[in-house]
Every structure is written in C-alpha cells, then in structure tokens.
Amino acid sequence: MASVKNLKKDINYTLGDIIEECYVWELMNPKEDTTKSQGIIDEAIVVFDELIVKVHAKNVENKRAHFKAINSDLETKAKSLVAKVNAL
C-alpha cells in the first residue's frame, strides 16, 4: 500500500464511478423505473462510509494488514456493485 491518501482516493474514485454509471443508466433509460439504480447508489454511499470509517480507525495493531484488508474489501464490494449495475 503506497499511502493512506491513495487508498482514500481509490475508495472515492471507484465508488464515484459506480454511482456515475447509475446516473448514466438513468439518463439513457428515462422510461425505466429508477428504484433499483437508486438502491445501488444508496448502497455505494453506505460502502463508502463504512470503508472511510475503517481507514480512520486508530486502534489498529498491524496497519499494513489492516489497509490490505480494506483494499480487498473495496475490491469485493465494488465488484458486487458493478454486477448489480450491469444487471440493470
């Protein structure tokens, strides 16, 4: 892990891109029901909040392992959200 700053940027950009993709889908499909895409956006915001809280945790013994776990958690949750976006 290069730095905490880069991890925060990765979290922000990854989840921001997923949210942006939901908005693009809504614009491309104006007659479709947007409750599913809004649910994905809400879920992405919750994931963002959870990961940022983990990044700012102070009582961590092994920081390297902690940040690697956050990074893998981001990857797992992002893949899940992307699969949901693709299913729209």
PDB file of N, CA and C in Angstrom:
ATOM      1  N   MET A   1       0.857  -1.175   0.000  1.00  0.00           N
ATOM      2  CA  MET A   1       0.000   0.000   0.000  1.00  0.00           C
ATOM      3  C   MET A   1       0.895   1.227   0.000  1.00  0.00           C
ATOM      4  N   ALA A   2       0.724   2.074  -0.971  1.00  0.00           N
ATOM      5  CA  ALA A   2       1.584   3.245  -1.100  1.00  0.00           C
ATOM      6  C   ALA A   2       1.309   4.262   0.005  1.00  0.00           C
ATOM      7  N   SER A   3       0.052   4.605   0.200  1.00  0.00           N
ATOM      8  CA  SER A   3      -0.256   5.560   1.254  1.00  0.00           C
ATOM      9  C   SER A   3      -1.746   5.519   1.564  1.00  0.00           C
ATOM     10  N   VAL A   4      -2.060   6.075   2.721  1.00  0.00           N
ATOM     11  CA  VAL A   4      -3.461   6.158   3.123  1.00  0.00           C
ATOM     12  C   VAL A   4      -4.193   7.116   2.183  1.00  0.00           C
ATOM     13  N   LYS A   5      -3.506   8.163   1.761  1.00  0.00           N
ATOM     14  CA  LYS A   5      -4.106   9.135   0.854  1.00  0.00           C
ATOM     15  C   LYS A   5      -4.539   8.471  -0.450  1.00  0.00           C
ATOM     16  N   ASN A   6      -3.693   7.604  -0.987  1.00  0.00           N
ATOM     17  CA  ASN A   6      -4.045   6.903  -2.229  1.00  0.00           C
ATOM     18  C   ASN A   6      -5.183   5.921  -2.013  1.00  0.00           C
ATOM     19  N   LEU A   7      -5.225   5.287  -0.849  1.00  0.00           N
ATOM     20  CA  LEU A   7      -6.332   4.377  -0.549  1.00  0.00           C
ATOM     21  C   LEU A   7      -7.651   5.140  -0.510  1.00  0.00           C
ATOM     22  N   LYS A   8      -7.641   6.312   0.120  1.00  0.00           N
ATOM     23  CA  LYS A   8      -8.849   7.136   0.168  1.00  0.00           C
ATOM     24  C   LYS A   8      -9.278   7.548  -1.244  1.00  0.00           C
ATOM     25  N   LYS A   9      -8.308   7.906  -2.089  1.00  0.00           N
ATOM     26  CA  LYS A   9      -8.621   8.276  -3.468  1.00  0.00           C
ATOM     27  C   LYS A   9      -9.212   7.091  -4.224  1.00  0.00           C
ATOM     28  N   ASP A  10      -8.645   5.904  -4.018  1.00  0.00           N
ATOM     29  CA  ASP A  10      -9.171   4.706  -4.678  1.00  0.00           C
ATOM     30  C   ASP A  10     -10.619   4.457  -4.281  1.00  0.00           C
ATOM     31  N   ILE A  11     -10.896   4.581  -2.991  1.00  0.00           N
ATOM     32  CA  ILE A  11     -12.264   4.377  -2.498  1.00  0.00           C
ATOM     33  C   ILE A  11     -13.196   5.397  -3.150  1.00  0.00           C
ATOM     34  N   ASN A  12     -12.789   6.644  -3.130  1.00  0.00           N
ATOM     35  CA  ASN A  12     -13.622   7.719  -3.666  1.00  0.00           C
ATOM     36  C   ASN A  12     -13.858   7.551  -5.161  1.00  0.00           C
ATOM     37  N   TYR A  13     -12.808   7.318  -5.923  1.00  0.00           N
ATOM     38  CA  TYR A  13     -12.941   7.205  -7.373  1.00  0.00           C
ATOM     39  C   TYR A  13     -13.716   5.962  -7.789  1.00  0.00           C
ATOM     40  N   THR A  14     -13.443   4.838  -7.148  1.00  0.00           N
ATOM     41  CA  THR A  14     -14.112   3.591  -7.518  1.00  0.00           C
ATOM     42  C   THR A  14     -15.614   3.686  -7.278  1.00  0.00           C
ATOM     43  N   LEU A  15     -15.985   4.096  -6.082  1.00  0.00           N
ATOM     44  CA  LEU A  15     -17.411   4.160  -5.768  1.00  0.00           C
ATOM     45  C   LEU A  15     -18.083   5.324  -6.502  1.00  0.00           C
ATOM     46  N   GLY A  16     -17.340   6.397  -6.739  1.00  0.00           N
ATOM     47  CA  GLY A  16     -17.876   7.512  -7.520  1.00  0.00           C
ATOM     48  C   GLY A  16     -18.181   7.104  -8.951  1.00  0.00           C
ATOM     49  N   ASP A  17     -17.304   6.286  -9.531  1.00  0.00           N
ATOM     50  CA  ASP A  17     -17.548   5.797 -10.892  1.00  0.00           C
ATOM     51  C   ASP A  17     -18.779   4.904 -10.957  1.00  0.00           C
ATOM     52  N   ILE A  18     -18.990   4.106  -9.939  1.00  0.00           N
ATOM     53  CA  ILE A  18     -20.171   3.236  -9.903  1.00  0.00           C
ATOM     54  C   ILE A  18     -21.441   4.081  -9.808  1.00  0.00           C
ATOM     55  N   ILE A  19     -21.404   5.102  -8.972  1.00  0.00           N
ATOM     56  CA  ILE A  19     -22.562   5.995  -8.841  1.00  0.00           C
ATOM     57  C   ILE A  19     -22.808   6.728 -10.156  1.00  0.00           C
ATOM     58  N   GLU A  20     -21.745   7.193 -10.781  1.00  0.00           N
ATOM     59  CA  GLU A  20     -21.870   7.883 -12.059  1.00  0.00           C
ATOM     60  C   GLU A  20     -22.475   6.967 -13.124  1.00  0.00           C
ATOM     61  N   GLU A  21     -22.077   5.708 -13.117  1.00  0.00           N
ATOM     62  CA  GLU A  21     -22.621   4.753 -14.084  1.00  0.00           C
ATOM     63  C   GLU A  21     -24.124   4.560 -13.872  1.00  0.00           C
ATOM     64  N   CYS A  22     -24.575   4.597 -12.618  1.00  0.00           N
ATOM     65  CA  CYS A  22     -26.015   4.504 -12.345  1.00  0.00           C
ATOM     66  C   CYS A  22     -26.747   5.713 -12.913  1.00  0.00           C
ATOM     67  N   TYR A  23     -26.163   6.890 -12.749  1.00  0.00           N
ATOM     68  CA  TYR A  23     -26.795   8.096 -13.297  1.00  0.00           C
ATOM     69  C   TYR A  23     -26.825   8.065 -14.823  1.00  0.00           C
ATOM     70  N   VAL A  24     -25.776   7.562 -15.428  1.00  0.00           N
ATOM     71  CA  VAL A  24     -25.750   7.436 -16.890  1.00  0.00           C
ATOM     72  C   VAL A  24     -26.836   6.472 -17.344  1.00  0.00           C
ATOM     73  N   TRP A  25     -26.999   5.368 -16.628  1.00  0.00           N
ATOM     74  CA  TRP A  25     -28.048   4.406 -16.977  1.00  0.00           C
ATOM     75  C   TRP A  25     -29.417   5.069 -16.883  1.00  0.00           C
ATOM     76  N   GLU A  26     -29.619   5.871 -15.824  1.00  0.00           N
ATOM     77  CA  GLU A  26     -30.906   6.551 -15.674  1.00  0.00           C
ATOM     78  C   GLU A  26     -31.157   7.523 -16.831  1.00  0.00           C
ATOM     79  N   LEU A  27     -30.108   8.219 -17.273  1.00  0.00           N
ATOM     80  CA  LEU A  27     -30.275   9.144 -18.397  1.00  0.00           C
ATOM     81  C   LEU A  27     -30.533   8.413 -19.708  1.00  0.00           C
ATOM     82  N   MET A  28     -29.919   7.264 -19.884  1.00  0.00           N
ATOM     83  CA  MET A  28     -30.086   6.500 -21.117  1.00  0.00           C
ATOM     84  C   MET A  28     -31.420   5.759 -21.163  1.00  0.00           C
ATOM     85  N   ASN A  29     -32.011   5.527 -20.006  1.00  0.00           N
ATOM     86  CA  ASN A  29     -33.281   4.799 -19.915  1.00  0.00           C
ATOM     87  C   ASN A  29     -34.292   5.631 -19.122  1.00  0.00           C
ATOM     88  N   PRO A  30     -34.781   6.735 -19.686  1.00  0.00           N
ATOM     89  CA  PRO A  30     -35.653   7.626 -18.914  1.00  0.00           C
ATOM     90  C   PRO A  30     -37.018   7.033 -18.572  1.00  0.00           C
ATOM     91  N   LYS A  31     -37.445   6.015 -19.313  1.00  0.00           N
ATOM     92  CA  LYS A  31     -38.766   5.439 -19.051  1.00  0.00           C
ATOM     93  C   LYS A  31     -38.722   4.280 -18.068  1.00  0.00           C
ATOM     94  N   GLU A  32     -37.525   3.835 -17.722  1.00  0.00           N
ATOM     95  CA  GLU A  32     -37.377   2.717 -16.787  1.00  0.00           C
ATOM     96  C   GLU A  32     -37.577   3.200 -15.346  1.00  0.00           C
ATOM     97  N   ASP A  33     -37.921   2.263 -14.485  1.00  0.00           N
ATOM     98  CA  ASP A  33     -38.057   2.548 -13.061  1.00  0.00           C
ATOM     99  C   ASP A  33     -36.658   2.712 -12.455  1.00  0.00           C
ATOM    100  N   THR A  34     -36.445   3.767 -11.705  1.00  0.00           N
ATOM    101  CA  THR A  34     -35.114   4.068 -11.180  1.00  0.00           C
ATOM    102  C   THR A  34     -34.915   3.614  -9.740  1.00  0.00           C
ATOM    103  N   THR A  35     -35.829   2.832  -9.208  1.00  0.00           N
ATOM    104  CA  THR A  35     -35.679   2.431  -7.806  1.00  0.00           C
ATOM    105  C   THR A  35     -34.473   1.510  -7.612  1.00  0.00           C
ATOM    106  N   LYS A  36     -34.209   0.635  -8.586  1.00  0.00           N
ATOM    107  CA  LYS A  36     -33.055  -0.258  -8.461  1.00  0.00           C
ATOM    108  C   LYS A  36     -31.748   0.520  -8.546  1.00  0.00           C
ATOM    109  N   SER A  37     -31.658   1.450  -9.484  1.00  0.00           N
ATOM    110  CA  SER A  37     -30.420   2.223  -9.606  1.00  0.00           C
ATOM    111  C   SER A  37     -30.219   3.125  -8.396  1.00  0.00           C
ATOM    112  N   GLN A  38     -31.285   3.676  -7.857  1.00  0.00           N
ATOM    113  CA  GLN A  38     -31.164   4.487  -6.647  1.00  0.00           C
ATOM    114  C   GLN A  38     -30.742   3.632  -5.452  1.00  0.00           C
ATOM    115  N   GLY A  39     -31.198   2.388  -5.413  1.00  0.00           N
ATOM    116  CA  GLY A  39     -30.770   1.467  -4.371  1.00  0.00           C
ATOM    117  C   GLY A  39     -29.282   1.157  -4.459  1.00  0.00           C
ATOM    118  N   ILE A  40     -28.774   1.022  -5.683  1.00  0.00           N
ATOM    119  CA  ILE A  40     -27.348   0.778  -5.883  1.00  0.00           C
ATOM    120  C   ILE A  40     -26.546   1.999  -5.438  1.00  0.00           C
ATOM    121  N   ILE A  41     -27.046   3.182  -5.754  1.00  0.00           N
ATOM    122  CA  ILE A  41     -26.367   4.411  -5.337  1.00  0.00           C
ATOM    123  C   ILE A  41     -26.331   4.501  -3.817  1.00  0.00           C
ATOM    124  N   ASP A  42     -27.455   4.215  -3.185  1.00  0.00           N
ATOM    125  CA  ASP A  42     -27.500   4.243  -1.721  1.00  0.00           C
ATOM    126  C   ASP A  42     -26.539   3.234  -1.114  1.00  0.00           C
ATOM    127  N   GLU A  43     -26.474   2.052  -1.706  1.00  0.00           N
ATOM    128  CA  GLU A  43     -25.564   1.018  -1.216  1.00  0.00           C
ATOM    129  C   GLU A  43     -24.102   1.444  -1.386  1.00  0.00           C
ATOM    130  N   ALA A  44     -23.791   2.096  -2.492  1.00  0.00           N
ATOM    131  CA  ALA A  44     -22.424   2.577  -2.723  1.00  0.00           C
ATOM    132  C   ALA A  44     -22.043   3.641  -1.694  1.00  0.00           C
ATOM    133  N   ILE A  45     -22.977   4.482  -1.329  1.00  0.00           N
ATOM    134  CA  ILE A  45     -22.711   5.508  -0.316  1.00  0.00           C
ATOM    135  C   ILE A  45     -22.471   4.863   1.048  1.00  0.00           C
ATOM    136  N   VAL A  46     -23.248   3.844   1.364  1.00  0.00           N
ATOM    137  CA  VAL A  46     -23.051   3.126   2.637  1.00  0.00           C
ATOM    138  C   VAL A  46     -21.690   2.445   2.663  1.00  0.00           C
ATOM    139  N   VAL A  47     -21.309   1.807   1.559  1.00  0.00           N
ATOM    140  CA  VAL A  47     -19.997   1.158   1.466  1.00  0.00           C
ATOM    141  C   VAL A  47     -18.888   2.190   1.631  1.00  0.00           C
ATOM    142  N   PHE A  48     -19.040   3.348   0.992  1.00  0.00           N
ATOM    143  CA  PHE A  48     -18.050   4.423   1.127  1.00  0.00           C
ATOM    144  C   PHE A  48     -17.888   4.818   2.582  1.00  0.00           C
ATOM    145  N   ASP A  49     -19.008   5.051   3.269  1.00  0.00           N
ATOM    146  CA  ASP A  49     -18.948   5.450   4.676  1.00  0.00           C
ATOM    147  C   ASP A  49     -18.264   4.388   5.531  1.00  0.00           C
ATOM    148  N   GLU A  50     -18.603   3.119   5.300  1.00  0.00           N
ATOM    149  CA  GLU A  50     -18.004   2.029   6.071  1.00  0.00           C
ATOM    150  C   GLU A  50     -16.490   1.962   5.865  1.00  0.00           C
ATOM    151  N   LEU A  51     -16.056   2.082   4.629  1.00  0.00           N
ATOM    152  CA  LEU A  51     -14.626   1.970   4.330  1.00  0.00           C
ATOM    153  C   LEU A  51     -13.842   3.158   4.878  1.00  0.00           C
ATOM    154  N   ILE A  52     -14.407   4.338   4.809  1.00  0.00           N
ATOM    155  CA  ILE A  52     -13.710   5.516   5.335  1.00  0.00           C
ATOM    156  C   ILE A  52     -13.593   5.424   6.854  1.00  0.00           C
ATOM    157  N   VAL A  53     -14.612   4.906   7.516  1.00  0.00           N
ATOM    158  CA  VAL A  53     -14.523   4.708   8.968  1.00  0.00           C
ATOM    159  C   VAL A  53     -13.404   3.721   9.284  1.00  0.00           C
ATOM    160  N   LYS A  54     -13.284   2.671   8.495  1.00  0.00           N
ATOM    161  CA  LYS A  54     -12.206   1.704   8.705  1.00  0.00           C
ATOM    162  C   LYS A  54     -10.830   2.330   8.460  1.00  0.00           C
ATOM    163  N   VAL A  55     -10.722   3.195   7.466  1.00  0.00           N
ATOM    164  CA  VAL A  55      -9.445   3.846   7.175  1.00  0.00           C
ATOM    165  C   VAL A  55      -9.022   4.729   8.347  1.00  0.00           C
ATOM    166  N   HIS A  56      -9.973   5.389   8.971  1.00  0.00           N
ATOM    167  CA  HIS A  56      -9.663   6.318  10.056  1.00  0.00           C
ATOM    168  C   HIS A  56      -9.586   5.651  11.433  1.00  0.00           C
ATOM    169  N   ALA A  57      -9.694   4.349  11.489  1.00  0.00           N
ATOM    170  CA  ALA A  57      -9.601   3.647  12.775  1.00  0.00           C
ATOM    171  C   ALA A  57      -8.201   3.839  13.357  1.00  0.00           C
ATOM    172  N   LYS A  58      -8.135   4.192  14.624  1.00  0.00           N
ATOM    173  CA  LYS A  58      -6.853   4.484  15.268  1.00  0.00           C
ATOM    174  C   LYS A  58      -6.294   3.308  16.059  1.00  0.00           C
ATOM    175  N   ASN A  59      -7.147   2.409  16.505  1.00  0.00           N
ATOM    176  CA  ASN A  59      -6.710   1.321  17.378  1.00  0.00           C
ATOM    177  C   ASN A  59      -6.351   0.062  16.580  1.00  0.00           C
ATOM    178  N   VAL A  60      -5.440   0.220  15.621  1.00  0.00           N
ATOM    179  CA  VAL A  60      -5.046  -0.876  14.744  1.00  0.00           C
ATOM    180  C   VAL A  60      -3.627  -1.304  15.111  1.00  0.00           C
ATOM    181  N   GLU A  61      -3.435  -2.610  15.312  1.00  0.00           N
ATOM    182  CA  GLU A  61      -2.110  -3.098  15.665  1.00  0.00           C
ATOM    183  C   GLU A  61      -1.214  -3.209  14.439  1.00  0.00           C
ATOM    184  N   ASN A  62      -1.670  -3.913  13.416  1.00  0.00           N
ATOM    185  CA  ASN A  62      -0.873  -4.109  12.212  1.00  0.00           C
ATOM    186  C   ASN A  62      -1.492  -3.284  11.089  1.00  0.00           C
ATOM    187  N   LYS A  63      -0.952  -2.090  10.864  1.00  0.00           N
ATOM    188  CA  LYS A  63      -1.543  -1.173   9.892  1.00  0.00           C
ATOM    189  C   LYS A  63      -1.485  -1.719   8.469  1.00  0.00           C
ATOM    190  N   ARG A  64      -0.389  -2.356   8.120  1.00  0.00           N
ATOM    191  CA  ARG A  64      -0.241  -2.884   6.761  1.00  0.00           C
ATOM    192  C   ARG A  64      -1.340  -3.908   6.463  1.00  0.00           C
ATOM    193  N   ALA A  65      -1.564  -4.834   7.356  1.00  0.00           N
ATOM    194  CA  ALA A  65      -2.604  -5.851   7.162  1.00  0.00           C
ATOM    195  C   ALA A  65      -3.990  -5.213   7.162  1.00  0.00           C
ATOM    196  N   HIS A  66      -4.167  -4.216   8.013  1.00  0.00           N
ATOM    197  CA  HIS A  66      -5.460  -3.530   8.101  1.00  0.00           C
ATOM    198  C   HIS A  66      -5.803  -2.852   6.782  1.00  0.00           C
ATOM    199  N   PHE A  67      -4.846  -2.132   6.199  1.00  0.00           N
ATOM    200  CA  PHE A  67      -5.106  -1.423   4.952  1.00  0.00           C
ATOM    201  C   PHE A  67      -5.231  -2.382   3.766  1.00  0.00           C
ATOM    202  N   LYS A  68      -4.520  -3.491   3.797  1.00  0.00           N
ATOM    203  CA  LYS A  68      -4.697  -4.502   2.746  1.00  0.00           C
ATOM    204  C   LYS A  68      -6.099  -5.099   2.813  1.00  0.00           C
ATOM    205  N   ALA A  69      -6.595  -5.303   4.031  1.00  0.00           N
ATOM    206  CA  ALA A  69      -7.947  -5.837   4.200  1.00  0.00           C
ATOM    207  C   ALA A  69      -8.982  -4.838   3.681  1.00  0.00           C
ATOM    208  N   ILE A  70      -8.750  -3.560   3.934  1.00  0.00           N
ATOM    209  CA  ILE A  70      -9.671  -2.538   3.428  1.00  0.00           C
ATOM    210  C   ILE A  70      -9.659  -2.527   1.905  1.00  0.00           C
ATOM    211  N   ASN A  71      -8.478  -2.634   1.328  1.00  0.00           N
ATOM    212  CA  ASN A  71      -8.349  -2.639  -0.129  1.00  0.00           C
ATOM    213  C   ASN A  71      -9.061  -3.844  -0.743  1.00  0.00           C
ATOM    214  N   SER A  72      -8.901  -5.012  -0.154  1.00  0.00           N
ATOM    215  CA  SER A  72      -9.577  -6.199  -0.689  1.00  0.00           C
ATOM    216  C   SER A  72     -11.091  -6.110  -0.473  1.00  0.00           C
ATOM    217  N   ASP A  73     -11.501  -5.496   0.640  1.00  0.00           N
ATOM    218  CA  ASP A  73     -12.922  -5.295   0.902  1.00  0.00           C
ATOM    219  C   ASP A  73     -13.519  -4.352  -0.141  1.00  0.00           C
ATOM    220  N   LEU A  74     -12.781  -3.300  -0.484  1.00  0.00           N
ATOM    221  CA  LEU A  74     -13.226  -2.380  -1.533  1.00  0.00           C
ATOM    222  C   LEU A  74     -13.391  -3.120  -2.845  1.00  0.00           C
ATOM    223  N   GLU A  75     -12.422  -3.940  -3.184  1.00  0.00           N
ATOM    224  CA  GLU A  75     -12.481  -4.675  -4.447  1.00  0.00           C
ATOM    225  C   GLU A  75     -13.687  -5.608  -4.493  1.00  0.00           C
ATOM    226  N   THR A  76     -13.928  -6.322  -3.415  1.00  0.00           N
ATOM    227  CA  THR A  76     -15.049  -7.257  -3.353  1.00  0.00           C
ATOM    228  C   THR A  76     -16.391  -6.536  -3.480  1.00  0.00           C
ATOM    229  N   LYS A  77     -16.548  -5.473  -2.702  1.00  0.00           N
ATOM    230  CA  LYS A  77     -17.821  -4.752  -2.717  1.00  0.00           C
ATOM    231  C   LYS A  77     -18.033  -4.012  -4.040  1.00  0.00           C
ATOM    232  N   ALA A  78     -16.958  -3.503  -4.618  1.00  0.00           N
ATOM    233  CA  ALA A  78     -17.082  -2.814  -5.909  1.00  0.00           C
ATOM    234  C   ALA A  78     -17.498  -3.791  -7.006  1.00  0.00           C
ATOM    235  N   LYS A  79     -16.922  -4.995  -6.999  1.00  0.00           N
ATOM    236  CA  LYS A  79     -17.316  -5.995  -7.990  1.00  0.00           C
ATOM    237  C   LYS A  79     -18.787  -6.346  -7.854  1.00  0.00           C
ATOM    238  N   SER A  80     -19.260  -6.450  -6.615  1.00  0.00           N
ATOM    239  CA  SER A  80     -20.663  -6.752  -6.374  1.00  0.00           C
ATOM    240  C   SER A  80     -21.559  -5.636  -6.908  1.00  0.00           C
ATOM    241  N   LEU A  81     -21.178  -4.388  -6.641  1.00  0.00           N
ATOM    242  CA  LEU A  81     -21.974  -3.260  -7.118  1.00  0.00           C
ATOM    243  C   LEU A  81     -21.953  -3.167  -8.645  1.00  0.00           C
ATOM    244  N   VAL A  82     -20.810  -3.420  -9.260  1.00  0.00           N
ATOM    245  CA  VAL A  82     -20.722  -3.385 -10.717  1.00  0.00           C
ATOM    246  C   VAL A  82     -21.610  -4.464 -11.328  1.00  0.00           C
ATOM    247  N   ALA A  83     -21.637  -5.629 -10.701  1.00  0.00           N
ATOM    248  CA  ALA A  83     -22.516  -6.689 -11.204  1.00  0.00           C
ATOM    249  C   ALA A  83     -23.971  -6.262 -11.135  1.00  0.00           C
ATOM    250  N   LYS A  84     -24.342  -5.552 -10.092  1.00  0.00           N
ATOM    251  CA  LYS A  84     -25.724  -5.061  -9.972  1.00  0.00           C
ATOM    252  C   LYS A  84     -26.028  -4.007 -11.036  1.00  0.00           C
ATOM    253  N   VAL A  85     -25.050  -3.134 -11.293  1.00  0.00           N
ATOM    254  CA  VAL A  85     -25.241  -2.119 -12.334  1.00  0.00           C
ATOM    255  C   VAL A  85     -25.390  -2.794 -13.690  1.00  0.00           C
ATOM    256  N   ASN A  86     -24.585  -3.776 -13.969  1.00  0.00           N
ATOM    257  CA  ASN A  86     -24.654  -4.483 -15.248  1.00  0.00           C
ATOM    258  C   ASN A  86     -25.974  -5.230 -15.412  1.00  0.00           C
ATOM    259  N   ALA A  87     -26.611  -5.592 -14.310  1.00  0.00           N
ATOM    260  CA  ALA A  87     -27.879  -6.319 -14.380  1.00  0.00           C
ATOM    261  C   ALA A  87     -29.076  -5.397 -14.611  1.00  0.00           C
ATOM    262  N   LEU A  88     -28.855  -4.099 -14.538  1.00  0.00           N
ATOM    263  CA  LEU A  88     -29.978  -3.169 -14.735  1.00  0.00           C
ATOM    264  C   LEU A  88     -30.566  -3.264 -16.124  1.00  0.00           C
TER     265      LEU A  88
END
